[in-house]
Amino acid sequence: MSFAVETRAEFEAAAVEFDNAGIEHGEVTDLTDVGLAILSFQDPDDINVELTAPLE
């Protein structure tokens, strides 16, 4: 499952909020070939979820 935000700034702010809330997550990965940044994390049922944003 993936959720998208409209800007890189919103994406970076979400990563900070994950840290503030103690939510473990992967590293920010820039997928330059598709023009997206992704951040993976696990939901409470251990399902992989990704947050995405366009590269800007």
Protein backbone atom coordinates (compact mmCIF):
# COMPACT_ATOMS: atom_id res chain seq x y z
CA MET A 1 0.00 0.00 0.00
CA SER A 2 1.28 3.46 -0.77
CA PHE A 3 0.27 6.97 0.21
CA ALA A 4 1.41 10.03 -1.71
CA VAL A 5 2.02 13.61 -0.70
CA GLU A 6 2.25 16.43 -3.22
CA THR A 7 5.65 17.91 -2.34
CA ARG A 8 9.06 16.88 -1.09
CA ALA A 9 8.64 19.32 1.81
CA GLU A 10 5.49 17.46 2.97
CA PHE A 11 7.39 14.19 2.57
CA GLU A 12 10.32 15.40 4.71
CA ALA A 13 7.91 16.77 7.34
CA ALA A 14 6.16 13.38 7.52
CA ALA A 15 9.51 11.64 8.07
CA VAL A 16 10.20 14.01 10.98
CA GLU A 17 6.75 13.28 12.44
CA PHE A 18 7.39 9.53 12.16
CA ASP A 19 10.61 10.05 14.14
CA ASN A 20 8.82 12.22 16.73
CA ALA A 21 6.15 9.52 17.15
CA GLY A 22 8.73 6.74 17.46
CA ILE A 23 7.58 5.03 14.26
CA GLU A 24 10.40 2.95 12.83
CA HIS A 25 10.93 3.41 9.11
CA GLY A 26 13.43 2.78 6.37
CA GLU A 27 15.73 5.27 4.73
CA VAL A 28 14.44 7.83 2.27
CA THR A 29 15.13 6.44 -1.20
CA ASP A 30 15.14 8.59 -4.32
CA LEU A 31 13.99 6.59 -7.35
CA THR A 32 15.32 8.96 -9.99
CA ASP A 33 14.27 6.72 -12.88
CA VAL A 34 10.59 7.10 -11.93
CA GLY A 35 10.81 10.56 -10.33
CA LEU A 36 9.72 9.54 -6.83
CA ALA A 37 11.06 9.50 -3.30
CA ILE A 38 9.85 6.67 -1.07
CA LEU A 39 9.87 5.95 2.64
CA SER A 40 8.82 2.49 3.85
CA PHE A 41 7.38 1.57 7.23
CA GLN A 42 5.34 -1.27 8.76
CA ASP A 43 1.78 -0.88 9.97
CA PRO A 44 0.67 -2.51 13.28
CA ASP A 45 -0.18 -5.72 11.39
CA ASP A 46 3.37 -5.79 9.93
CA ILE A 47 2.19 -4.85 6.44
CA ASN A 48 4.67 -2.81 4.42
CA VAL A 49 3.43 0.70 3.63
CA GLU A 50 5.18 3.37 1.59
CA LEU A 51 4.96 7.13 1.58
CA THR A 52 5.86 8.69 -1.76
CA ALA A 53 6.51 12.17 -3.15
CA PRO A 54 7.69 13.55 -6.46
CA LEU A 55 11.35 14.45 -6.69
CA GLU A 56 11.74 18.22 -6.79
